[in-house]
Amino acid sequence: MALIFPFFPYFLNFDLEFKGAEKITDALKENRTITTVDLGGNNIHAMGVTAIAQVLKDNLFIKSIELGYNPIGPDGAKALAEILKFHGKIEIFKLGWCQIGPKGAEYIADTLKYNTTISTLDLRTNGLKDDGAACLARSLRVVNEALTSLDLGFNEIWDKGAYAIAQALRANEDITLTSLNLANNFLTKYGQVKDFVTTSLVFI
């Protein structure tokens, strides 16, 4: 079963913010059937997503959560990362267009070192830049048997950040990642070639 509060950018936005997010979390606390939660584009900020994170801590049923298009910022990313590091059963984790920046990427990267369930991670359009990419690269050097898909499109990543990721993938012989999206970043032809020859993954 899925709980969906869709984002209709041209004519409707539920604008959940904190109070709305809190009501949703109250309902999810007793959930035993919902496995997919989509709260994308509902103007949820860090405080609201902190309440959502607490629900994920002890929920063994929610496997997929979409929080894209919500301005949770790095503080929101931190709240989620701290919970998902050792708790929850999330397999699909989508945070595209959430304004988390390099600091938020650092929090998420730290979680990947310990989390054993997240297989799909979407961090598109978050302004991660090279610093954020480098944080994720350090985590990709650690054995993670769950992560298979990572989307870093539209993140202002240059050759330096892409090279760090490529080197991490090359160094980790046990990597399970099969899909890596670095589309629409600032890679030069040199960076694209270097990425391609240092990893067997296809850069979408």
N, C-alpha and C. Protein backbone atom coordinates (compact mmCIF):
# COMPACT_ATOMS: atom_id res chain seq x y z
N MET A 1 0.85 -1.20 0.00
CA MET A 1 0.00 0.00 0.00
C MET A 1 0.88 1.24 0.00
N ALA A 2 0.42 2.28 -0.68
CA ALA A 2 1.20 3.51 -0.78
C ALA A 2 0.42 4.70 -0.23
N LEU A 3 1.16 5.60 0.41
CA LEU A 3 0.60 6.87 0.86
C LEU A 3 1.24 7.95 0.02
N ILE A 4 0.44 8.65 -0.77
CA ILE A 4 0.98 9.63 -1.72
C ILE A 4 0.32 10.98 -1.53
N PHE A 5 1.13 12.00 -1.27
CA PHE A 5 0.68 13.39 -1.28
C PHE A 5 1.42 14.04 -2.44
N PRO A 6 0.85 14.00 -3.64
CA PRO A 6 1.60 14.38 -4.84
C PRO A 6 1.87 15.87 -4.94
N PHE A 7 2.87 16.17 -5.76
CA PHE A 7 3.25 17.55 -6.05
C PHE A 7 2.65 17.94 -7.38
N PHE A 8 1.71 18.90 -7.37
CA PHE A 8 1.12 19.43 -8.60
C PHE A 8 1.58 20.87 -8.75
N PRO A 9 2.72 21.09 -9.40
CA PRO A 9 3.37 22.40 -9.37
C PRO A 9 2.58 23.54 -9.97
N TYR A 10 1.61 23.26 -10.83
CA TYR A 10 0.94 24.37 -11.51
C TYR A 10 -0.40 24.76 -10.87
N PHE A 11 -1.01 23.87 -10.12
CA PHE A 11 -2.33 24.25 -9.62
C PHE A 11 -2.64 23.78 -8.20
N LEU A 12 -1.76 23.00 -7.58
CA LEU A 12 -2.08 22.54 -6.24
C LEU A 12 -0.81 22.17 -5.50
N ASN A 13 -0.72 22.56 -4.24
CA ASN A 13 0.36 22.13 -3.39
C ASN A 13 -0.19 21.98 -1.98
N PHE A 14 -0.01 20.82 -1.40
CA PHE A 14 -0.59 20.58 -0.09
C PHE A 14 0.07 21.42 1.00
N ASP A 15 1.30 21.87 0.78
CA ASP A 15 1.97 22.77 1.71
C ASP A 15 1.89 22.24 3.14
N LEU A 16 2.39 21.03 3.36
CA LEU A 16 2.27 20.38 4.66
C LEU A 16 3.04 21.10 5.76
N GLU A 17 4.24 21.59 5.43
CA GLU A 17 5.11 22.23 6.39
C GLU A 17 5.19 21.38 7.66
N PHE A 18 5.27 22.01 8.86
CA PHE A 18 5.47 21.22 10.06
C PHE A 18 4.20 20.58 10.59
N LYS A 19 3.13 21.35 10.72
CA LYS A 19 1.90 20.80 11.30
C LYS A 19 1.35 19.65 10.47
N GLY A 20 1.36 19.84 9.15
CA GLY A 20 0.86 18.78 8.28
C GLY A 20 1.74 17.54 8.35
N ALA A 21 3.06 17.75 8.36
CA ALA A 21 3.98 16.62 8.44
C ALA A 21 3.80 15.88 9.75
N GLU A 22 3.54 16.63 10.80
CA GLU A 22 3.33 16.02 12.12
C GLU A 22 2.09 15.14 12.13
N LYS A 23 1.04 15.59 11.47
CA LYS A 23 -0.20 14.79 11.40
C LYS A 23 0.02 13.51 10.60
N ILE A 24 0.78 13.62 9.53
CA ILE A 24 1.09 12.44 8.74
C ILE A 24 1.89 11.44 9.57
N THR A 25 2.86 11.93 10.31
CA THR A 25 3.67 11.03 11.12
C THR A 25 2.85 10.35 12.21
N ASP A 26 1.90 11.06 12.77
CA ASP A 26 1.02 10.45 13.78
C ASP A 26 0.28 9.26 13.19
N ALA A 27 -0.18 9.42 11.96
CA ALA A 27 -0.90 8.33 11.30
C ALA A 27 0.03 7.16 10.99
N LEU A 28 1.26 7.47 10.61
CA LEU A 28 2.20 6.43 10.22
C LEU A 28 2.75 5.64 11.40
N LYS A 29 2.65 6.20 12.59
CA LYS A 29 3.17 5.51 13.77
C LYS A 29 2.50 4.16 13.99
N GLU A 30 1.23 4.08 13.63
CA GLU A 30 0.48 2.84 13.82
C GLU A 30 0.39 2.03 12.54
N ASN A 31 1.12 2.46 11.50
CA ASN A 31 1.05 1.79 10.20
C ASN A 31 1.57 0.37 10.25
N ARG A 32 0.80 -0.53 9.61
CA ARG A 32 1.24 -1.90 9.45
C ARG A 32 1.07 -2.38 8.01
N THR A 33 0.63 -1.47 7.13
CA THR A 33 0.37 -1.88 5.75
C THR A 33 1.06 -1.00 4.71
N ILE A 34 1.27 0.28 5.01
CA ILE A 34 1.87 1.19 4.03
C ILE A 34 3.37 0.92 3.89
N THR A 35 3.80 0.70 2.66
CA THR A 35 5.21 0.43 2.40
C THR A 35 5.89 1.54 1.60
N THR A 36 5.09 2.38 0.92
CA THR A 36 5.62 3.46 0.09
C THR A 36 5.01 4.79 0.51
N VAL A 37 5.85 5.76 0.81
CA VAL A 37 5.39 7.09 1.21
C VAL A 37 5.96 8.13 0.26
N ASP A 38 5.08 8.92 -0.37
CA ASP A 38 5.49 9.98 -1.28
C ASP A 38 4.98 11.31 -0.75
N LEU A 39 5.89 12.13 -0.24
CA LEU A 39 5.56 13.45 0.28
C LEU A 39 6.27 14.54 -0.52
N GLY A 40 6.58 14.24 -1.76
CA GLY A 40 7.31 15.18 -2.60
C GLY A 40 6.56 16.47 -2.84
N GLY A 41 7.30 17.59 -2.84
CA GLY A 41 6.76 18.89 -3.20
C GLY A 41 5.70 19.43 -2.27
N ASN A 42 5.90 19.30 -0.97
CA ASN A 42 4.90 19.76 -0.02
C ASN A 42 5.41 20.81 0.96
N ASN A 43 6.49 21.48 0.59
CA ASN A 43 7.04 22.57 1.39
C ASN A 43 7.37 22.14 2.82
N ILE A 44 7.87 20.93 2.95
CA ILE A 44 8.29 20.43 4.25
C ILE A 44 9.71 20.92 4.52
N HIS A 45 9.92 21.51 5.67
CA HIS A 45 11.22 22.04 6.05
C HIS A 45 11.92 21.08 7.02
N ALA A 46 13.02 21.52 7.59
CA ALA A 46 13.82 20.66 8.46
C ALA A 46 13.03 20.16 9.66
N MET A 47 12.23 21.02 10.27
CA MET A 47 11.48 20.62 11.46
C MET A 47 10.47 19.53 11.11
N GLY A 48 9.79 19.69 10.00
CA GLY A 48 8.80 18.70 9.58
C GLY A 48 9.44 17.36 9.26
N VAL A 49 10.58 17.39 8.57
CA VAL A 49 11.23 16.15 8.19
C VAL A 49 11.86 15.46 9.40
N THR A 50 12.15 16.22 10.43
CA THR A 50 12.66 15.63 11.67
C THR A 50 11.60 14.74 12.31
N ALA A 51 10.35 15.20 12.26
CA ALA A 51 9.24 14.39 12.77
C ALA A 51 9.07 13.13 11.94
N ILE A 52 9.23 13.26 10.64
CA ILE A 52 9.11 12.09 9.74
C ILE A 52 10.23 11.09 10.04
N ALA A 53 11.42 11.61 10.30
CA ALA A 53 12.56 10.74 10.59
C ALA A 53 12.31 9.88 11.82
N GLN A 54 11.67 10.43 12.81
CA GLN A 54 11.39 9.68 14.04
C GLN A 54 10.46 8.50 13.77
N VAL A 55 9.53 8.69 12.84
CA VAL A 55 8.62 7.59 12.48
C VAL A 55 9.40 6.46 11.80
N LEU A 56 10.37 6.83 10.96
CA LEU A 56 11.14 5.83 10.24
C LEU A 56 12.02 4.99 11.17
N LYS A 57 12.31 5.55 12.33
CA LYS A 57 13.22 4.87 13.26
C LYS A 57 12.75 3.48 13.64
N ASP A 58 11.48 3.37 13.98
CA ASP A 58 10.96 2.09 14.48
C ASP A 58 9.99 1.42 13.52
N ASN A 59 9.84 1.97 12.32
CA ASN A 59 8.89 1.40 11.37
C ASN A 59 9.57 0.35 10.51
N LEU A 60 9.07 -0.86 10.56
CA LEU A 60 9.67 -1.95 9.81
C LEU A 60 8.93 -2.25 8.51
N PHE A 61 7.95 -1.38 8.18
CA PHE A 61 7.10 -1.64 7.02
C PHE A 61 7.37 -0.70 5.85
N ILE A 62 7.74 0.55 6.13
CA ILE A 62 8.00 1.51 5.06
C ILE A 62 9.32 1.19 4.38
N LYS A 63 9.25 0.90 3.08
CA LYS A 63 10.44 0.53 2.31
C LYS A 63 10.90 1.63 1.37
N SER A 64 9.99 2.54 1.02
CA SER A 64 10.31 3.58 0.04
C SER A 64 9.76 4.92 0.51
N ILE A 65 10.61 5.96 0.46
CA ILE A 65 10.15 7.29 0.83
C ILE A 65 10.66 8.33 -0.16
N GLU A 66 9.75 9.14 -0.66
CA GLU A 66 10.04 10.22 -1.59
C GLU A 66 9.82 11.55 -0.87
N LEU A 67 10.91 12.33 -0.73
CA LEU A 67 10.83 13.63 -0.08
C LEU A 67 11.34 14.74 -0.99
N GLY A 68 11.42 14.45 -2.28
CA GLY A 68 11.94 15.43 -3.22
C GLY A 68 11.11 16.70 -3.29
N TYR A 69 11.76 17.77 -3.74
CA TYR A 69 11.11 19.08 -3.89
C TYR A 69 10.61 19.65 -2.56
N ASN A 70 11.27 19.30 -1.47
CA ASN A 70 10.97 19.90 -0.17
C ASN A 70 12.25 20.58 0.33
N PRO A 71 12.19 21.82 0.79
CA PRO A 71 13.40 22.54 1.20
C PRO A 71 13.88 22.14 2.59
N ILE A 72 14.28 20.88 2.75
CA ILE A 72 14.67 20.40 4.08
C ILE A 72 16.05 20.89 4.47
N GLY A 73 16.90 21.24 3.51
CA GLY A 73 18.22 21.76 3.79
C GLY A 73 19.12 20.75 4.47
N PRO A 74 20.34 21.17 4.83
CA PRO A 74 21.29 20.25 5.48
C PRO A 74 20.81 19.76 6.84
N ASP A 75 20.06 20.59 7.56
CA ASP A 75 19.56 20.16 8.87
C ASP A 75 18.55 19.03 8.74
N GLY A 76 17.71 19.11 7.72
CA GLY A 76 16.77 18.03 7.46
C GLY A 76 17.48 16.75 7.05
N ALA A 77 18.52 16.91 6.22
CA ALA A 77 19.31 15.75 5.81
C ALA A 77 19.97 15.09 7.01
N LYS A 78 20.43 15.92 7.93
CA LYS A 78 21.07 15.40 9.15
C LYS A 78 20.09 14.60 9.98
N ALA A 79 18.88 15.11 10.13
CA ALA A 79 17.86 14.42 10.93
C ALA A 79 17.56 13.04 10.35
N LEU A 80 17.42 12.98 9.03
CA LEU A 80 17.14 11.71 8.37
C LEU A 80 18.34 10.77 8.46
N ALA A 81 19.52 11.32 8.23
CA ALA A 81 20.74 10.51 8.21
C ALA A 81 21.00 9.86 9.56
N GLU A 82 20.78 10.61 10.63
CA GLU A 82 21.04 10.08 11.97
C GLU A 82 20.14 8.90 12.30
N ILE A 83 18.92 8.95 11.81
CA ILE A 83 17.98 7.85 12.06
C ILE A 83 18.28 6.66 11.17
N LEU A 84 18.49 6.91 9.88
CA LEU A 84 18.66 5.82 8.92
C LEU A 84 20.02 5.15 9.00
N LYS A 85 20.92 5.72 9.76
CA LYS A 85 22.25 5.11 9.90
C LYS A 85 22.13 3.70 10.48
N PHE A 86 21.29 3.56 11.50
CA PHE A 86 21.17 2.25 12.16
C PHE A 86 19.74 1.75 12.30
N HIS A 87 18.76 2.54 11.83
CA HIS A 87 17.37 2.18 12.05
C HIS A 87 16.58 2.18 10.75
N GLY A 88 15.36 1.61 10.84
CA GLY A 88 14.47 1.63 9.69
C GLY A 88 14.79 0.56 8.66
N LYS A 89 13.92 0.44 7.68
CA LYS A 89 14.07 -0.57 6.64
C LYS A 89 13.95 0.05 5.24
N ILE A 90 14.29 1.32 5.12
CA ILE A 90 14.17 2.03 3.85
C ILE A 90 15.10 1.44 2.80
N GLU A 91 14.53 1.14 1.63
CA GLU A 91 15.32 0.63 0.51
C GLU A 91 15.45 1.68 -0.60
N ILE A 92 14.40 2.46 -0.81
CA ILE A 92 14.40 3.52 -1.83
C ILE A 92 14.28 4.87 -1.12
N PHE A 93 15.29 5.70 -1.28
CA PHE A 93 15.40 6.96 -0.53
C PHE A 93 15.61 8.10 -1.53
N LYS A 94 14.60 8.96 -1.70
CA LYS A 94 14.66 10.01 -2.71
C LYS A 94 14.64 11.40 -2.07
N LEU A 95 15.74 12.14 -2.31
CA LEU A 95 15.89 13.49 -1.75
C LEU A 95 16.28 14.50 -2.83
N GLY A 96 15.78 14.32 -4.03
CA GLY A 96 16.10 15.27 -5.09
C GLY A 96 15.49 16.64 -4.84
N TRP A 97 16.22 17.70 -5.22
CA TRP A 97 15.73 19.07 -5.11
C TRP A 97 15.37 19.44 -3.66
N CYS A 98 16.24 19.08 -2.72
CA CYS A 98 15.96 19.34 -1.30
C CYS A 98 16.90 20.34 -0.66
N GLN A 99 17.80 20.94 -1.47
CA GLN A 99 18.68 22.01 -0.99
C GLN A 99 19.60 21.55 0.15
N ILE A 100 20.06 20.32 0.10
CA ILE A 100 20.87 19.82 1.22
C ILE A 100 22.33 20.29 1.13
N GLY A 101 22.83 20.62 -0.06
CA GLY A 101 24.17 21.14 -0.22
C GLY A 101 25.26 20.16 0.18
N PRO A 102 26.53 20.60 0.15
CA PRO A 102 27.65 19.73 0.51
C PRO A 102 27.57 19.19 1.94
N LYS A 103 27.09 20.02 2.86
CA LYS A 103 27.01 19.57 4.26
C LYS A 103 25.98 18.45 4.39
N GLY A 104 24.86 18.59 3.72
CA GLY A 104 23.86 17.53 3.75
C GLY A 104 24.40 16.24 3.14
N ALA A 105 25.19 16.37 2.08
CA ALA A 105 25.80 15.20 1.46
C ALA A 105 26.74 14.50 2.43
N GLU A 106 27.41 15.30 3.26
CA GLU A 106 28.31 14.72 4.26
C GLU A 106 27.54 13.84 5.25
N TYR A 107 26.37 14.31 5.67
CA TYR A 107 25.55 13.53 6.59
C TYR A 107 25.06 12.24 5.94
N ILE A 108 24.58 12.34 4.71
CA ILE A 108 24.08 11.17 4.00
C ILE A 108 25.21 10.18 3.75
N ALA A 109 26.37 10.70 3.39
CA ALA A 109 27.53 9.84 3.13
C ALA A 109 27.91 9.05 4.37
N ASP A 110 27.85 9.69 5.52
CA ASP A 110 28.18 9.00 6.77
C ASP A 110 27.21 7.85 7.02
N THR A 111 25.94 8.08 6.70
CA THR A 111 24.93 7.04 6.87
C THR A 111 25.22 5.82 6.00
N LEU A 112 25.70 6.06 4.77
CA LEU A 112 25.97 4.96 3.85
C LEU A 112 27.06 4.02 4.36
N LYS A 113 27.89 4.49 5.26
CA LYS A 113 28.94 3.64 5.82
C LYS A 113 28.36 2.54 6.70
N TYR A 114 27.16 2.78 7.24
CA TYR A 114 26.59 1.87 8.22
C TYR A 114 25.26 1.24 7.78
N ASN A 115 24.47 1.97 6.99
CA ASN A 115 23.16 1.48 6.59
C ASN A 115 23.29 0.22 5.71
N THR A 116 22.39 -0.73 5.93
CA THR A 116 22.47 -1.99 5.19
C THR A 116 21.22 -2.27 4.36
N THR A 117 20.35 -1.26 4.18
CA THR A 117 19.10 -1.50 3.46
C THR A 117 18.89 -0.62 2.24
N ILE A 118 19.44 0.59 2.23
CA ILE A 118 19.20 1.53 1.12
C ILE A 118 19.87 1.01 -0.16
N SER A 119 19.03 0.74 -1.17
CA SER A 119 19.56 0.26 -2.44
C SER A 119 19.51 1.34 -3.52
N THR A 120 18.54 2.26 -3.42
CA THR A 120 18.40 3.34 -4.39
C THR A 120 18.44 4.68 -3.66
N LEU A 121 19.37 5.54 -4.06
CA LEU A 121 19.53 6.85 -3.43
C LEU A 121 19.51 7.93 -4.51
N ASP A 122 18.54 8.84 -4.41
CA ASP A 122 18.38 9.93 -5.38
C ASP A 122 18.71 11.24 -4.70
N LEU A 123 19.81 11.87 -5.14
CA LEU A 123 20.25 13.16 -4.58
C LEU A 123 20.36 14.22 -5.67
N ARG A 124 19.55 14.11 -6.70
CA ARG A 124 19.62 15.06 -7.81
C ARG A 124 19.38 16.50 -7.37
N THR A 125 20.09 17.42 -8.03
CA THR A 125 19.83 18.86 -7.92
C THR A 125 19.82 19.34 -6.47
N ASN A 126 20.92 19.10 -5.80
CA ASN A 126 21.06 19.54 -4.41
C ASN A 126 22.27 20.44 -4.19
N GLY A 127 22.92 20.84 -5.28
CA GLY A 127 24.09 21.70 -5.11
C GLY A 127 25.20 21.05 -4.31
N LEU A 128 25.43 19.76 -4.54
CA LEU A 128 26.44 19.03 -3.75
C LEU A 128 27.85 19.50 -4.05
N LYS A 129 28.11 19.85 -5.31
CA LYS A 129 29.42 20.33 -5.76
C LYS A 129 30.51 19.28 -5.49
N ASP A 130 31.75 19.66 -5.69
CA ASP A 130 32.85 18.71 -5.53
C ASP A 130 33.02 18.24 -4.09
N ASP A 131 32.77 19.14 -3.14
CA ASP A 131 32.92 18.76 -1.73
C ASP A 131 31.93 17.67 -1.34
N GLY A 132 30.69 17.81 -1.79
CA GLY A 132 29.68 16.80 -1.50
C GLY A 132 30.01 15.49 -2.18
N ALA A 133 30.47 15.58 -3.43
CA ALA A 133 30.85 14.37 -4.17
C ALA A 133 32.01 13.65 -3.48
N ALA A 134 32.95 14.42 -2.94
CA ALA A 134 34.10 13.83 -2.25
C ALA A 134 33.65 13.09 -0.99
N CYS A 135 32.68 13.65 -0.28
CA CYS A 135 32.15 12.98 0.92
C CYS A 135 31.53 11.64 0.55
N LEU A 136 30.74 11.64 -0.51
CA LEU A 136 30.10 10.39 -0.96
C LEU A 136 31.16 9.39 -1.45
N ALA A 137 32.19 9.90 -2.09
CA ALA A 137 33.26 9.03 -2.59
C ALA A 137 33.93 8.29 -1.44
N ARG A 138 34.17 9.00 -0.34
CA ARG A 138 34.81 8.34 0.81
C ARG A 138 33.96 7.19 1.34
N SER A 139 32.65 7.37 1.31
CA SER A 139 31.76 6.31 1.78
C SER A 139 31.71 5.15 0.79
N LEU A 140 31.83 5.45 -0.50
CA LEU A 140 31.79 4.39 -1.50
C LEU A 140 33.02 3.49 -1.44
N ARG A 141 34.05 3.95 -0.76
CA ARG A 141 35.22 3.11 -0.57
C ARG A 141 34.97 2.02 0.47
N VAL A 142 33.95 2.23 1.29
CA VAL A 142 33.59 1.26 2.33
C VAL A 142 32.64 0.23 1.72
N VAL A 143 32.78 -1.01 2.12
CA VAL A 143 31.91 -2.05 1.60
C VAL A 143 30.46 -1.76 1.97
N ASN A 144 29.60 -1.66 0.96
CA ASN A 144 28.17 -1.48 1.16
C ASN A 144 27.47 -2.47 0.23
N GLU A 145 26.85 -3.47 0.82
CA GLU A 145 26.27 -4.54 0.03
C GLU A 145 24.85 -4.26 -0.41
N ALA A 146 24.33 -3.08 -0.09
CA ALA A 146 22.94 -2.76 -0.42
C ALA A 146 22.81 -1.80 -1.60
N LEU A 147 23.60 -0.72 -1.62
CA LEU A 147 23.44 0.34 -2.60
C LEU A 147 23.73 -0.13 -4.02
N THR A 148 22.73 -0.02 -4.90
CA THR A 148 22.91 -0.41 -6.30
C THR A 148 22.69 0.75 -7.27
N SER A 149 22.00 1.81 -6.83
CA SER A 149 21.70 2.93 -7.73
C SER A 149 21.90 4.25 -7.01
N LEU A 150 22.70 5.13 -7.62
CA LEU A 150 22.99 6.44 -7.04
C LEU A 150 22.82 7.51 -8.10
N ASP A 151 21.94 8.48 -7.85
CA ASP A 151 21.67 9.55 -8.81
C ASP A 151 22.22 10.87 -8.29
N LEU A 152 23.23 11.40 -8.98
CA LEU A 152 23.87 12.66 -8.61
C LEU A 152 23.77 13.69 -9.73
N GLY A 153 22.76 13.56 -10.57
CA GLY A 153 22.59 14.50 -11.67
C GLY A 153 22.32 15.92 -11.21
N PHE A 154 22.74 16.91 -12.03
CA PHE A 154 22.45 18.33 -11.77
C PHE A 154 22.97 18.80 -10.41
N ASN A 155 24.22 18.49 -10.09
CA ASN A 155 24.75 18.85 -8.76
C ASN A 155 25.99 19.73 -8.80
N GLU A 156 26.27 20.35 -9.95
CA GLU A 156 27.41 21.26 -10.05
C GLU A 156 28.73 20.57 -9.71
N ILE A 157 28.82 19.31 -10.07
CA ILE A 157 30.03 18.53 -9.83
C ILE A 157 30.98 18.69 -11.02
N TRP A 158 32.23 19.01 -10.73
CA TRP A 158 33.24 19.16 -11.75
C TRP A 158 34.11 17.91 -11.82
N ASP A 159 35.19 17.98 -12.59
CA ASP A 159 36.07 16.82 -12.76
C ASP A 159 36.62 16.29 -11.44
N LYS A 160 36.97 17.19 -10.54
CA LYS A 160 37.57 16.78 -9.27
C LYS A 160 36.63 15.87 -8.49
N GLY A 161 35.37 16.25 -8.40
CA GLY A 161 34.40 15.44 -7.66
C GLY A 161 34.10 14.13 -8.35
N ALA A 162 33.97 14.17 -9.68
CA ALA A 162 33.69 12.95 -10.43
C ALA A 162 34.87 11.99 -10.35
N TYR A 163 36.07 12.54 -10.39
CA TYR A 163 37.26 11.69 -10.30
C TYR A 163 37.34 11.01 -8.94
N ALA A 164 36.98 11.73 -7.87
CA ALA A 164 36.98 11.14 -6.53
C ALA A 164 36.03 9.95 -6.46
N ILE A 165 34.86 10.10 -7.06
CA ILE A 165 33.89 9.00 -7.08
C ILE A 165 34.41 7.82 -7.89
N ALA A 166 34.97 8.10 -9.05
CA ALA A 166 35.51 7.04 -9.90
C ALA A 166 36.62 6.28 -9.21
N GLN A 167 37.50 6.99 -8.52
CA GLN A 167 38.59 6.34 -7.80
C GLN A 167 38.07 5.47 -6.68
N ALA A 168 37.02 5.94 -6.01
CA ALA A 168 36.42 5.16 -4.93
C ALA A 168 35.84 3.86 -5.45
N LEU A 169 35.16 3.93 -6.58
CA LEU A 169 34.56 2.73 -7.17
C LEU A 169 35.64 1.75 -7.63
N ARG A 170 36.71 2.32 -8.13
CA ARG A 170 37.81 1.47 -8.59
C ARG A 170 38.50 0.78 -7.41
N ALA A 171 38.58 1.48 -6.28
CA ALA A 171 39.27 0.94 -5.11
C ALA A 171 38.46 -0.12 -4.39
N ASN A 172 37.14 -0.06 -4.52
CA ASN A 172 36.27 -1.00 -3.81
C ASN A 172 35.87 -2.16 -4.73
N GLU A 173 36.56 -3.27 -4.59
CA GLU A 173 36.31 -4.42 -5.46
C GLU A 173 34.96 -5.08 -5.17
N ASP A 174 34.41 -4.81 -3.99
CA ASP A 174 33.15 -5.44 -3.60
C ASP A 174 31.94 -4.52 -3.83
N ILE A 175 32.14 -3.44 -4.58
CA ILE A 175 31.05 -2.48 -4.82
C ILE A 175 29.88 -3.18 -5.50
N THR A 176 28.67 -2.86 -5.05
CA THR A 176 27.46 -3.45 -5.64
C THR A 176 26.74 -2.46 -6.54
N LEU A 177 27.23 -1.23 -6.62
CA LEU A 177 26.60 -0.20 -7.43
C LEU A 177 26.59 -0.58 -8.91
N THR A 178 25.42 -0.53 -9.51
CA THR A 178 25.30 -0.87 -10.94
C THR A 178 24.81 0.31 -11.77
N SER A 179 24.29 1.36 -11.12
CA SER A 179 23.80 2.53 -11.84
C SER A 179 24.25 3.80 -11.14
N LEU A 180 24.98 4.64 -11.87
CA LEU A 180 25.44 5.92 -11.34
C LEU A 180 25.13 7.01 -12.34
N ASN A 181 24.34 7.98 -11.95
CA ASN A 181 23.96 9.08 -12.82
C ASN A 181 24.73 10.34 -12.44
N LEU A 182 25.57 10.80 -13.36
CA LEU A 182 26.29 12.07 -13.19
C LEU A 182 25.94 13.04 -14.32
N ALA A 183 24.78 12.85 -14.91
CA ALA A 183 24.37 13.68 -16.04
C ALA A 183 24.16 15.13 -15.61
N ASN A 184 24.41 16.04 -16.54
CA ASN A 184 24.16 17.47 -16.35
C ASN A 184 24.93 18.06 -15.17
N ASN A 185 26.18 17.61 -15.05
CA ASN A 185 27.14 18.26 -14.16
C ASN A 185 28.16 18.98 -15.03
N PHE A 186 29.26 19.43 -14.44
CA PHE A 186 30.22 20.23 -15.19
C PHE A 186 31.48 19.45 -15.53
N LEU A 187 31.30 18.24 -16.07
CA LEU A 187 32.46 17.43 -16.42
C LEU A 187 32.99 17.84 -17.79
N THR A 188 34.30 18.01 -17.88
CA THR A 188 34.92 18.26 -19.18
C THR A 188 35.11 16.93 -19.89
N LYS A 189 35.54 16.97 -21.14
CA LYS A 189 35.81 15.72 -21.85
C LYS A 189 36.87 14.91 -21.14
N TYR A 190 37.84 15.61 -20.54
CA TYR A 190 38.90 14.91 -19.80
C TYR A 190 38.29 14.17 -18.62
N GLY A 191 37.42 14.83 -17.88
CA GLY A 191 36.80 14.21 -16.72
C GLY A 191 35.93 13.04 -17.11
N GLN A 192 35.20 13.17 -18.19
CA GLN A 192 34.32 12.09 -18.64
C GLN A 192 35.12 10.87 -19.05
N VAL A 193 36.22 11.08 -19.76
CA VAL A 193 37.06 9.97 -20.19
C VAL A 193 37.70 9.29 -18.98
N LYS A 194 38.20 10.08 -18.04
CA LYS A 194 38.86 9.52 -16.86
C LYS A 194 37.88 8.69 -16.05
N ASP A 195 36.64 9.18 -15.88
CA ASP A 195 35.63 8.41 -15.17
C ASP A 195 35.37 7.09 -15.87
N PHE A 196 35.25 7.17 -17.19
CA PHE A 196 34.85 5.99 -17.96
C PHE A 196 35.92 4.90 -17.90
N VAL A 197 37.18 5.30 -17.94
CA VAL A 197 38.22 4.28 -17.99
C VAL A 197 38.58 3.75 -16.62
N THR A 198 38.12 4.39 -15.54
CA THR A 198 38.47 3.90 -14.21
C THR A 198 37.34 3.10 -13.57
N THR A 199 36.23 2.94 -14.24
CA THR A 199 35.15 2.13 -13.68
C THR A 199 34.36 1.49 -14.80
N SER A 200 33.80 0.35 -14.52
CA SER A 200 33.01 -0.35 -15.53
C SER A 200 31.56 0.11 -15.56
N LEU A 201 31.19 1.03 -14.66
CA LEU A 201 29.82 1.53 -14.62
C LEU A 201 29.55 2.45 -15.80
N VAL A 202 28.32 2.52 -16.18
CA VAL A 202 27.91 3.43 -17.24
C VAL A 202 27.44 4.73 -16.62
N PHE A 203 28.01 5.84 -17.02
CA PHE A 203 27.62 7.15 -16.52
C PHE A 203 26.50 7.67 -17.42
N ILE A 204 25.29 7.66 -16.88
CA ILE A 204 24.10 7.97 -17.67
C ILE A 204 24.13 9.41 -18.17
